[in-house]
Amino acid sequence: MPVRPHAVLHPRPELRRRGTVASAGDMAVAPWVEDAVDEYVPEPCLVHPERIVEYPCRDLPEDLHDGLAERFDRLRQDTGWSYQYHLSVAPGIKAGGYPGWTQDPDWPDCAECGERMEHLLTVDSAEFDGESWRSWLPAEDTPRTGAVRDLPYEERERIQRPPGLMLGDMGGVYLFHCRHCPGMPYDYRADCS
């Protein structure tokens, strides 16, 4: 079946699970969808897994955020670091943690048990933005001299969007699943600026 342009600004993900035996070893060639439209296929890129700890940002309860607002302001004044951009949710493509919502949080509930689903995976248009690169740019991608914002546009694009994705207007797709129900049902959300 040929892949056609999406009726909306983001793809509709499908979750396929494989057993550990089936996923053992490296794939010599990446899987390919027959008749895929080139502009919808991500560019090959390297993956440098890194375990990090995230803290909620847009998911931070309003009363807690209000209670911490003075500390957040003082942190920015004293260090130049922003809780939102530098210390809470890592942007980019990642497994687990918190979704890097562009819009208001929209966690799905499991259709079977009614519980809030767990964040499984984020596929984002970019690995960082104009602020977050200072803390979230992987060491492997850090330019040897100068700041990212001082690089030529083409070089910034290569570092910021390694797989060449553009989901909506610099948005993301978030996969969620329920580990408690048989078959581990899943759902997704997408947003953009």
N, C-alpha and C. Protein backbone atom coordinates (compact mmCIF):
# COMPACT_ATOMS: atom_id res chain seq x y z
N MET A 1 0.84 -1.17 0.00
CA MET A 1 0.00 0.00 0.00
C MET A 1 0.89 1.24 0.00
N PRO A 2 0.73 2.16 -0.95
CA PRO A 2 1.59 3.34 -1.01
C PRO A 2 1.33 4.29 0.16
N VAL A 3 2.39 4.94 0.59
CA VAL A 3 2.28 5.93 1.66
C VAL A 3 1.87 7.25 1.02
N ARG A 4 0.82 7.84 1.53
CA ARG A 4 0.33 9.10 0.99
C ARG A 4 0.54 10.21 2.02
N PRO A 5 0.57 11.46 1.55
CA PRO A 5 0.69 12.56 2.51
C PRO A 5 -0.40 12.47 3.57
N HIS A 6 -0.03 12.84 4.77
CA HIS A 6 -0.96 12.76 5.89
C HIS A 6 -2.02 13.84 5.79
N ALA A 7 -3.23 13.50 6.21
CA ALA A 7 -4.33 14.46 6.18
C ALA A 7 -4.14 15.52 7.26
N VAL A 8 -3.34 15.20 8.28
CA VAL A 8 -3.02 16.15 9.35
C VAL A 8 -1.53 16.44 9.29
N LEU A 9 -1.04 17.28 10.19
CA LEU A 9 0.36 17.71 10.13
C LEU A 9 1.34 16.74 10.78
N HIS A 10 0.88 15.61 11.22
CA HIS A 10 1.78 14.66 11.88
C HIS A 10 1.42 13.24 11.46
N PRO A 11 2.39 12.34 11.54
CA PRO A 11 2.10 10.94 11.20
C PRO A 11 1.31 10.26 12.31
N ARG A 12 0.61 9.21 11.96
CA ARG A 12 -0.09 8.38 12.94
C ARG A 12 0.82 7.18 13.21
N PRO A 13 1.42 7.14 14.41
CA PRO A 13 2.38 6.06 14.69
C PRO A 13 1.70 4.72 14.92
N GLU A 14 2.44 3.67 14.62
CA GLU A 14 2.02 2.31 14.93
C GLU A 14 3.09 1.71 15.82
N LEU A 15 2.67 1.06 16.88
CA LEU A 15 3.61 0.45 17.81
C LEU A 15 3.66 -1.05 17.51
N ARG A 16 4.86 -1.54 17.25
CA ARG A 16 5.05 -2.97 16.99
C ARG A 16 6.08 -3.47 17.97
N ARG A 17 5.73 -4.51 18.68
CA ARG A 17 6.63 -5.07 19.70
C ARG A 17 7.32 -6.30 19.14
N ARG A 18 8.62 -6.42 19.47
CA ARG A 18 9.38 -7.60 19.09
C ARG A 18 9.96 -8.22 20.35
N GLY A 19 10.13 -9.52 20.33
CA GLY A 19 10.77 -10.22 21.44
C GLY A 19 12.26 -9.97 21.42
N THR A 20 12.94 -10.26 22.52
CA THR A 20 14.38 -10.01 22.60
C THR A 20 15.16 -10.86 21.62
N VAL A 21 14.69 -12.06 21.30
CA VAL A 21 15.39 -12.90 20.33
C VAL A 21 15.34 -12.26 18.96
N ALA A 22 14.19 -11.74 18.58
CA ALA A 22 14.03 -11.12 17.27
C ALA A 22 14.85 -9.85 17.13
N SER A 23 15.13 -9.16 18.23
CA SER A 23 15.86 -7.89 18.15
C SER A 23 17.33 -8.04 18.47
N ALA A 24 17.80 -9.27 18.74
CA ALA A 24 19.22 -9.47 19.05
C ALA A 24 20.06 -9.18 17.82
N GLY A 25 21.18 -8.53 18.02
CA GLY A 25 22.09 -8.23 16.91
C GLY A 25 21.72 -6.95 16.20
N ASP A 26 22.66 -6.46 15.42
CA ASP A 26 22.45 -5.23 14.67
C ASP A 26 21.76 -5.53 13.35
N MET A 27 20.92 -4.62 12.91
CA MET A 27 20.31 -4.76 11.59
C MET A 27 21.32 -4.25 10.57
N ALA A 28 21.56 -5.02 9.54
CA ALA A 28 22.48 -4.60 8.49
C ALA A 28 21.86 -3.47 7.67
N VAL A 29 20.57 -3.57 7.43
CA VAL A 29 19.87 -2.56 6.64
C VAL A 29 18.60 -2.17 7.40
N ALA A 30 18.34 -0.87 7.47
CA ALA A 30 17.13 -0.40 8.14
C ALA A 30 15.90 -0.86 7.37
N PRO A 31 14.80 -1.22 8.07
CA PRO A 31 13.58 -1.62 7.38
C PRO A 31 13.05 -0.48 6.52
N TRP A 32 12.41 -0.81 5.42
CA TRP A 32 11.91 0.20 4.49
C TRP A 32 10.47 -0.12 4.12
N VAL A 33 9.63 0.90 4.09
CA VAL A 33 8.24 0.73 3.68
C VAL A 33 8.19 0.86 2.16
N GLU A 34 7.62 -0.14 1.52
CA GLU A 34 7.49 -0.12 0.06
C GLU A 34 6.71 1.12 -0.35
N ASP A 35 7.15 1.80 -1.37
CA ASP A 35 6.50 3.01 -1.91
C ASP A 35 6.50 4.18 -0.94
N ALA A 36 7.46 4.22 0.00
CA ALA A 36 7.53 5.34 0.94
C ALA A 36 7.91 6.62 0.19
N VAL A 37 7.32 7.72 0.58
CA VAL A 37 7.64 9.03 -0.01
C VAL A 37 8.90 9.54 0.69
N ASP A 38 9.95 9.81 -0.08
CA ASP A 38 11.26 10.17 0.49
C ASP A 38 11.18 11.29 1.52
N GLU A 39 10.36 12.32 1.26
CA GLU A 39 10.33 13.46 2.18
C GLU A 39 9.72 13.12 3.54
N TYR A 40 9.09 11.94 3.67
CA TYR A 40 8.52 11.52 4.95
C TYR A 40 9.38 10.49 5.67
N VAL A 41 10.54 10.19 5.12
CA VAL A 41 11.43 9.20 5.72
C VAL A 41 12.57 9.94 6.41
N PRO A 42 12.79 9.70 7.71
CA PRO A 42 13.90 10.37 8.42
C PRO A 42 15.25 10.01 7.81
N GLU A 43 16.18 10.94 7.90
CA GLU A 43 17.55 10.70 7.46
C GLU A 43 18.25 9.77 8.45
N PRO A 44 19.15 8.93 7.98
CA PRO A 44 19.93 8.10 8.93
C PRO A 44 20.76 9.02 9.83
N CYS A 45 20.90 8.63 11.08
CA CYS A 45 21.70 9.41 12.01
C CYS A 45 22.23 8.49 13.10
N LEU A 46 23.20 8.96 13.85
CA LEU A 46 23.76 8.18 14.95
C LEU A 46 22.95 8.40 16.21
N VAL A 47 22.94 7.40 17.06
CA VAL A 47 22.25 7.49 18.34
C VAL A 47 23.29 7.36 19.44
N HIS A 48 23.26 8.30 20.36
CA HIS A 48 24.16 8.27 21.50
C HIS A 48 23.30 8.21 22.76
N PRO A 49 22.86 7.01 23.19
CA PRO A 49 21.98 6.93 24.37
C PRO A 49 22.66 7.50 25.61
N GLU A 50 21.87 8.18 26.38
CA GLU A 50 22.35 8.80 27.62
C GLU A 50 21.22 8.76 28.63
N ARG A 51 21.47 8.22 29.81
CA ARG A 51 20.45 8.18 30.85
C ARG A 51 20.48 9.51 31.61
N ILE A 52 19.33 10.14 31.70
CA ILE A 52 19.22 11.41 32.41
C ILE A 52 18.01 11.38 33.33
N VAL A 53 17.94 12.34 34.23
CA VAL A 53 16.78 12.50 35.11
C VAL A 53 16.06 13.76 34.65
N GLU A 54 14.75 13.63 34.44
CA GLU A 54 13.94 14.77 34.05
C GLU A 54 12.99 15.14 35.19
N TYR A 55 12.53 16.37 35.14
CA TYR A 55 11.54 16.86 36.09
C TYR A 55 10.41 17.48 35.29
N PRO A 56 9.18 17.40 35.78
CA PRO A 56 8.06 17.94 35.00
C PRO A 56 8.19 19.44 34.79
N CYS A 57 7.69 19.89 33.67
CA CYS A 57 7.66 21.32 33.39
C CYS A 57 6.22 21.74 33.14
N ARG A 58 5.71 21.45 31.97
CA ARG A 58 4.31 21.80 31.69
C ARG A 58 3.37 20.93 32.51
N ASP A 59 3.87 19.79 33.01
CA ASP A 59 3.08 18.90 33.85
C ASP A 59 3.20 19.24 35.34
N LEU A 60 3.99 20.23 35.68
CA LEU A 60 4.15 20.63 37.07
C LEU A 60 2.84 21.24 37.55
N PRO A 61 2.28 20.72 38.65
CA PRO A 61 1.02 21.29 39.14
C PRO A 61 1.13 22.81 39.33
N GLU A 62 0.06 23.52 38.98
CA GLU A 62 0.09 24.98 39.00
C GLU A 62 0.47 25.55 40.37
N ASP A 63 -0.09 24.97 41.45
CA ASP A 63 0.23 25.50 42.78
C ASP A 63 1.71 25.30 43.12
N LEU A 64 2.29 24.18 42.69
CA LEU A 64 3.71 23.94 42.94
C LEU A 64 4.56 24.89 42.10
N HIS A 65 4.17 25.08 40.84
CA HIS A 65 4.89 26.03 39.99
C HIS A 65 4.85 27.43 40.59
N ASP A 66 3.68 27.85 41.03
CA ASP A 66 3.55 29.18 41.64
C ASP A 66 4.41 29.30 42.89
N GLY A 67 4.46 28.21 43.69
CA GLY A 67 5.27 28.21 44.90
C GLY A 67 6.76 28.27 44.63
N LEU A 68 7.17 27.79 43.46
CA LEU A 68 8.59 27.78 43.10
C LEU A 68 8.99 28.94 42.18
N ALA A 69 8.03 29.74 41.76
CA ALA A 69 8.29 30.80 40.78
C ALA A 69 9.41 31.74 41.22
N GLU A 70 9.44 32.10 42.50
CA GLU A 70 10.49 32.99 42.98
C GLU A 70 11.86 32.33 42.86
N ARG A 71 11.94 31.04 43.18
CA ARG A 71 13.22 30.32 43.04
C ARG A 71 13.64 30.24 41.58
N PHE A 72 12.67 29.99 40.68
CA PHE A 72 12.97 29.92 39.26
C PHE A 72 13.51 31.26 38.77
N ASP A 73 12.90 32.36 39.20
CA ASP A 73 13.36 33.69 38.81
C ASP A 73 14.77 33.97 39.34
N ARG A 74 15.00 33.60 40.59
CA ARG A 74 16.33 33.82 41.20
C ARG A 74 17.39 32.98 40.48
N LEU A 75 17.04 31.76 40.12
CA LEU A 75 17.95 30.89 39.39
C LEU A 75 18.35 31.53 38.07
N ARG A 76 17.38 32.07 37.34
CA ARG A 76 17.67 32.72 36.06
C ARG A 76 18.55 33.95 36.25
N GLN A 77 18.25 34.75 37.27
CA GLN A 77 19.04 35.96 37.52
C GLN A 77 20.48 35.61 37.92
N ASP A 78 20.64 34.59 38.77
CA ASP A 78 21.96 34.24 39.29
C ASP A 78 22.82 33.45 38.31
N THR A 79 22.19 32.62 37.48
CA THR A 79 22.96 31.70 36.63
C THR A 79 22.72 31.85 35.14
N GLY A 80 21.58 32.47 34.77
CA GLY A 80 21.21 32.53 33.37
C GLY A 80 20.49 31.27 32.90
N TRP A 81 20.28 30.33 33.80
CA TRP A 81 19.62 29.06 33.46
C TRP A 81 18.13 29.16 33.75
N SER A 82 17.34 28.57 32.88
CA SER A 82 15.90 28.56 33.02
C SER A 82 15.45 27.14 33.39
N TYR A 83 14.58 27.04 34.39
CA TYR A 83 14.05 25.72 34.75
C TYR A 83 13.41 25.07 33.53
N GLN A 84 12.59 25.82 32.80
CA GLN A 84 11.87 25.27 31.65
C GLN A 84 12.81 24.75 30.58
N TYR A 85 13.79 25.52 30.18
CA TYR A 85 14.64 25.15 29.05
C TYR A 85 15.86 24.32 29.42
N HIS A 86 16.37 24.46 30.64
CA HIS A 86 17.65 23.84 30.96
C HIS A 86 17.60 22.76 32.03
N LEU A 87 16.56 22.71 32.85
CA LEU A 87 16.61 21.82 34.01
C LEU A 87 15.43 20.88 34.16
N SER A 88 14.46 20.91 33.27
CA SER A 88 13.29 20.06 33.48
C SER A 88 13.21 18.95 32.44
N VAL A 89 12.51 19.16 31.35
CA VAL A 89 12.26 18.12 30.35
C VAL A 89 13.27 18.24 29.20
N ALA A 90 13.93 17.14 28.90
CA ALA A 90 14.88 17.11 27.79
C ALA A 90 14.11 17.10 26.47
N PRO A 91 14.49 17.96 25.53
CA PRO A 91 13.85 17.93 24.22
C PRO A 91 14.42 16.79 23.38
N GLY A 92 13.85 16.57 22.21
CA GLY A 92 14.40 15.62 21.26
C GLY A 92 13.69 14.29 21.24
N ILE A 93 14.33 13.33 20.58
CA ILE A 93 13.80 11.98 20.47
C ILE A 93 14.29 11.21 21.69
N LYS A 94 13.35 10.60 22.42
CA LYS A 94 13.74 9.94 23.67
C LYS A 94 12.73 8.88 24.07
N ALA A 95 13.20 7.97 24.89
CA ALA A 95 12.34 6.95 25.49
C ALA A 95 12.13 7.31 26.95
N GLY A 96 10.88 7.27 27.39
CA GLY A 96 10.55 7.54 28.79
C GLY A 96 10.61 9.02 29.14
N GLY A 97 10.63 9.28 30.44
CA GLY A 97 10.65 10.66 30.92
C GLY A 97 9.31 11.34 30.74
N TYR A 98 9.35 12.65 30.55
CA TYR A 98 8.15 13.44 30.36
C TYR A 98 8.05 13.89 28.91
N PRO A 99 6.85 13.94 28.36
CA PRO A 99 6.70 14.49 27.02
C PRO A 99 7.13 15.96 27.02
N GLY A 100 7.76 16.38 25.94
CA GLY A 100 8.16 17.79 25.80
C GLY A 100 7.05 18.58 25.15
N TRP A 101 5.90 18.60 25.79
CA TRP A 101 4.71 19.22 25.21
C TRP A 101 5.01 20.60 24.63
N THR A 102 4.51 20.86 23.44
CA THR A 102 4.54 22.19 22.85
C THR A 102 3.27 22.93 23.26
N GLN A 103 2.18 22.20 23.32
CA GLN A 103 0.88 22.72 23.76
C GLN A 103 0.64 22.26 25.21
N ASP A 104 -0.56 22.44 25.71
CA ASP A 104 -0.88 21.98 27.05
C ASP A 104 -0.82 20.46 27.12
N PRO A 105 -0.41 19.90 28.27
CA PRO A 105 -0.35 18.44 28.42
C PRO A 105 -1.70 17.78 28.10
N ASP A 106 -1.63 16.61 27.48
CA ASP A 106 -2.83 15.89 27.06
C ASP A 106 -2.58 14.39 27.19
N TRP A 107 -2.41 13.93 28.43
CA TRP A 107 -2.13 12.52 28.68
C TRP A 107 -3.37 11.68 28.37
N PRO A 108 -3.20 10.60 27.60
CA PRO A 108 -4.36 9.73 27.35
C PRO A 108 -4.60 8.77 28.52
N ASP A 109 -5.84 8.37 28.69
CA ASP A 109 -6.20 7.34 29.64
C ASP A 109 -6.38 6.03 28.87
N CYS A 110 -6.06 4.93 29.52
CA CYS A 110 -6.22 3.62 28.91
C CYS A 110 -7.71 3.34 28.69
N ALA A 111 -8.06 2.90 27.50
CA ALA A 111 -9.46 2.60 27.19
C ALA A 111 -9.95 1.38 27.95
N GLU A 112 -9.03 0.52 28.39
CA GLU A 112 -9.43 -0.70 29.08
C GLU A 112 -9.58 -0.53 30.59
N CYS A 113 -8.60 0.12 31.24
CA CYS A 113 -8.66 0.23 32.70
C CYS A 113 -8.96 1.64 33.19
N GLY A 114 -8.88 2.64 32.31
CA GLY A 114 -9.19 4.01 32.69
C GLY A 114 -8.05 4.76 33.36
N GLU A 115 -6.93 4.10 33.61
CA GLU A 115 -5.78 4.76 34.25
C GLU A 115 -5.01 5.59 33.22
N ARG A 116 -4.30 6.61 33.72
CA ARG A 116 -3.47 7.42 32.84
C ARG A 116 -2.34 6.56 32.28
N MET A 117 -2.13 6.65 30.98
CA MET A 117 -1.09 5.87 30.33
C MET A 117 0.29 6.44 30.64
N GLU A 118 1.30 5.61 30.50
CA GLU A 118 2.69 5.98 30.77
C GLU A 118 3.35 6.46 29.47
N HIS A 119 4.16 7.51 29.58
CA HIS A 119 4.89 8.01 28.41
C HIS A 119 5.94 6.97 28.02
N LEU A 120 5.93 6.57 26.76
CA LEU A 120 6.85 5.56 26.25
C LEU A 120 7.94 6.18 25.38
N LEU A 121 7.56 7.08 24.47
CA LEU A 121 8.50 7.57 23.48
C LEU A 121 8.06 8.93 22.96
N THR A 122 9.03 9.81 22.76
CA THR A 122 8.80 11.09 22.09
C THR A 122 9.62 11.11 20.81
N VAL A 123 8.98 11.49 19.72
CA VAL A 123 9.68 11.76 18.47
C VAL A 123 9.45 13.24 18.19
N ASP A 124 10.50 14.02 18.31
CA ASP A 124 10.40 15.47 18.21
C ASP A 124 11.07 15.95 16.92
N SER A 125 10.68 17.11 16.47
CA SER A 125 11.27 17.67 15.25
C SER A 125 12.73 18.07 15.44
N ALA A 126 13.11 18.42 16.66
CA ALA A 126 14.47 18.90 16.91
C ALA A 126 15.01 18.35 18.22
N GLU A 127 16.32 18.28 18.30
CA GLU A 127 16.98 17.79 19.50
C GLU A 127 17.14 18.87 20.56
N PHE A 128 17.00 20.13 20.18
CA PHE A 128 17.11 21.26 21.10
C PHE A 128 16.56 22.48 20.40
N ASP A 129 16.44 23.58 21.13
CA ASP A 129 15.98 24.83 20.51
C ASP A 129 16.97 25.94 20.84
N GLY A 130 16.56 27.17 20.60
CA GLY A 130 17.45 28.32 20.79
C GLY A 130 17.93 28.52 22.21
N GLU A 131 17.27 27.96 23.18
CA GLU A 131 17.69 28.06 24.59
C GLU A 131 18.25 26.75 25.12
N SER A 132 17.55 25.66 24.83
CA SER A 132 17.88 24.39 25.50
C SER A 132 19.19 23.76 25.06
N TRP A 133 19.78 24.20 23.95
CA TRP A 133 21.03 23.61 23.48
C TRP A 133 22.13 23.71 24.53
N ARG A 134 22.07 24.73 25.38
CA ARG A 134 23.15 24.92 26.37
C ARG A 134 23.23 23.77 27.37
N SER A 135 22.11 23.10 27.63
CA SER A 135 22.16 21.99 28.57
C SER A 135 21.85 20.64 27.95
N TRP A 136 21.15 20.59 26.81
CA TRP A 136 20.71 19.32 26.27
C TRP A 136 21.42 18.89 25.00
N LEU A 137 22.32 19.68 24.46
CA LEU A 137 23.06 19.28 23.27
C LEU A 137 24.03 18.16 23.65
N PRO A 138 23.94 16.99 23.00
CA PRO A 138 24.85 15.89 23.35
C PRO A 138 26.31 16.29 23.14
N ALA A 139 27.18 15.80 24.02
CA ALA A 139 28.61 16.12 23.91
C ALA A 139 29.16 15.73 22.55
N GLU A 140 28.64 14.64 21.96
CA GLU A 140 29.12 14.18 20.65
C GLU A 140 28.81 15.18 19.55
N ASP A 141 27.79 16.02 19.76
CA ASP A 141 27.38 16.99 18.74
C ASP A 141 27.83 18.41 19.05
N THR A 142 28.50 18.61 20.16
CA THR A 142 28.91 19.95 20.56
C THR A 142 30.01 20.45 19.63
N PRO A 143 29.81 21.60 19.01
CA PRO A 143 30.87 22.16 18.14
C PRO A 143 32.12 22.47 18.97
N ARG A 144 33.27 22.31 18.37
CA ARG A 144 34.52 22.53 19.08
C ARG A 144 34.71 24.00 19.47
N THR A 145 34.26 24.91 18.63
CA THR A 145 34.42 26.32 18.94
C THR A 145 33.10 27.05 18.71
N GLY A 146 32.86 28.06 19.52
CA GLY A 146 31.68 28.89 19.33
C GLY A 146 30.40 28.24 19.81
N ALA A 147 29.37 29.03 19.87
CA ALA A 147 28.06 28.57 20.30
C ALA A 147 27.26 28.10 19.09
N VAL A 148 26.29 27.24 19.34
CA VAL A 148 25.43 26.74 18.27
C VAL A 148 24.79 27.88 17.51
N ARG A 149 24.33 28.88 18.22
CA ARG A 149 23.63 29.97 17.52
C ARG A 149 24.55 30.76 16.60
N ASP A 150 25.87 30.64 16.78
CA ASP A 150 26.82 31.34 15.91
C ASP A 150 27.22 30.54 14.68
N LEU A 151 26.74 29.30 14.57
CA LEU A 151 27.08 28.45 13.43
C LEU A 151 26.27 28.85 12.21
N PRO A 152 26.78 28.54 11.00
CA PRO A 152 25.97 28.76 9.79
C PRO A 152 24.69 27.94 9.88
N TYR A 153 23.64 28.43 9.23
CA TYR A 153 22.32 27.81 9.31
C TYR A 153 22.36 26.32 8.98
N GLU A 154 23.06 25.93 7.92
CA GLU A 154 23.10 24.53 7.50
C GLU A 154 23.70 23.64 8.60
N GLU A 155 24.74 24.12 9.27
CA GLU A 155 25.37 23.35 10.33
C GLU A 155 24.45 23.24 11.55
N ARG A 156 23.77 24.33 11.89
CA ARG A 156 22.80 24.29 13.00
C ARG A 156 21.71 23.27 12.70
N GLU A 157 21.17 23.29 11.47
CA GLU A 157 20.13 22.35 11.08
C GLU A 157 20.60 20.91 11.21
N ARG A 158 21.84 20.63 10.79
CA ARG A 158 22.38 19.28 10.86
C ARG A 158 22.46 18.80 12.31
N ILE A 159 22.87 19.68 13.20
CA ILE A 159 23.01 19.31 14.61
C ILE A 159 21.64 19.27 15.28
N GLN A 160 20.81 20.26 15.03
CA GLN A 160 19.53 20.39 15.72
C GLN A 160 18.53 19.34 15.26
N ARG A 161 18.52 19.02 13.98
CA ARG A 161 17.54 18.09 13.43
C ARG A 161 18.25 16.96 12.70
N PRO A 162 18.97 16.10 13.44
CA PRO A 162 19.78 15.07 12.78
C PRO A 162 18.99 14.15 11.86
N PRO A 163 17.77 13.72 12.21
CA PRO A 163 17.07 12.86 11.25
C PRO A 163 16.29 13.65 10.21
N GLY A 164 16.36 15.00 10.25
CA GLY A 164 15.68 15.81 9.26
C GLY A 164 14.17 15.82 9.39
N LEU A 165 13.66 15.69 10.59
CA LEU A 165 12.21 15.64 10.80
C LEU A 165 11.60 17.04 10.90
N MET A 166 10.37 17.16 10.41
CA MET A 166 9.58 18.37 10.63
C MET A 166 8.15 17.88 10.84
N LEU A 167 7.75 17.80 12.09
CA LEU A 167 6.42 17.31 12.45
C LEU A 167 5.54 18.52 12.73
N GLY A 168 4.65 18.82 11.79
CA GLY A 168 3.85 20.03 11.92
C GLY A 168 4.77 21.22 11.80
N ASP A 169 4.65 22.14 12.73
CA ASP A 169 5.52 23.30 12.80
C ASP A 169 6.45 23.11 13.99
N MET A 170 7.49 22.31 13.81
CA MET A 170 8.48 21.99 14.86
C MET A 170 7.81 21.33 16.08
N GLY A 171 6.90 20.42 15.83
CA GLY A 171 6.20 19.75 16.91
C GLY A 171 6.75 18.36 17.21
N GLY A 172 5.95 17.58 17.92
CA GLY A 172 6.36 16.25 18.31
C GLY A 172 5.19 15.28 18.33
N VAL A 173 5.53 13.99 18.32
CA VAL A 173 4.57 12.91 18.46
C VAL A 173 4.97 12.14 19.70
N TYR A 174 4.00 11.85 20.57
CA TYR A 174 4.26 11.21 21.86
C TYR A 174 3.48 9.90 21.92
N LEU A 175 4.18 8.80 22.19
CA LEU A 175 3.55 7.50 22.34
C LEU A 175 3.40 7.18 23.82
N PHE A 176 2.26 6.59 24.16
CA PHE A 176 1.95 6.20 25.53
C PHE A 176 1.50 4.75 25.52
N HIS A 177 1.68 4.05 26.64
CA HIS A 177 1.17 2.68 26.72
C HIS A 177 0.74 2.38 28.15
N CYS A 178 -0.03 1.31 28.28
CA CYS A 178 -0.48 0.85 29.59
C CYS A 178 0.14 -0.52 29.83
N ARG A 179 1.04 -0.61 30.78
CA ARG A 179 1.72 -1.88 31.08
C ARG A 179 0.84 -2.84 31.86
N HIS A 180 -0.25 -2.33 32.41
CA HIS A 180 -1.07 -3.15 33.31
C HIS A 180 -2.12 -3.98 32.59
N CYS A 181 -2.49 -3.58 31.40
CA CYS A 181 -3.56 -4.29 30.68
C CYS A 181 -2.98 -5.29 29.69
N PRO A 182 -3.68 -6.39 29.47
CA PRO A 182 -3.21 -7.39 28.50
C PRO A 182 -3.00 -6.76 27.12
N GLY A 183 -1.92 -7.16 26.49
CA GLY A 183 -1.62 -6.63 25.17
C GLY A 183 -0.98 -5.25 25.19
N MET A 184 -0.80 -4.66 26.37
CA MET A 184 -0.23 -3.32 26.54
C MET A 184 -0.76 -2.33 25.50
N PRO A 185 -2.04 -1.94 25.64
CA PRO A 185 -2.60 -0.99 24.68
C PRO A 185 -1.79 0.31 24.64
N TYR A 186 -1.85 0.97 23.50
CA TYR A 186 -1.11 2.22 23.35
C TYR A 186 -1.99 3.28 22.71
N ASP A 187 -1.54 4.50 22.83
CA ASP A 187 -2.21 5.64 22.21
C ASP A 187 -1.13 6.66 21.92
N TYR A 188 -1.48 7.73 21.25
CA TYR A 188 -0.49 8.76 20.95
C TYR A 188 -1.15 10.13 20.97
N ARG A 189 -0.31 11.12 21.07
CA ARG A 189 -0.72 12.51 20.95
C ARG A 189 0.32 13.20 20.08
N ALA A 190 -0.06 14.31 19.46
CA ALA A 190 0.85 15.11 18.67
C ALA A 190 0.51 16.56 18.88
N ASP A 191 1.51 17.41 18.85
CA ASP A 191 1.27 18.84 18.94
C ASP A 191 2.37 19.57 18.19
N CYS A 192 2.15 20.84 17.95
CA CYS A 192 3.16 21.67 17.30
C CYS A 192 2.89 23.13 17.67
N SER A 193 3.86 23.97 17.34
CA SER A 193 3.72 25.38 17.72
C SER A 193 2.85 26.15 16.76
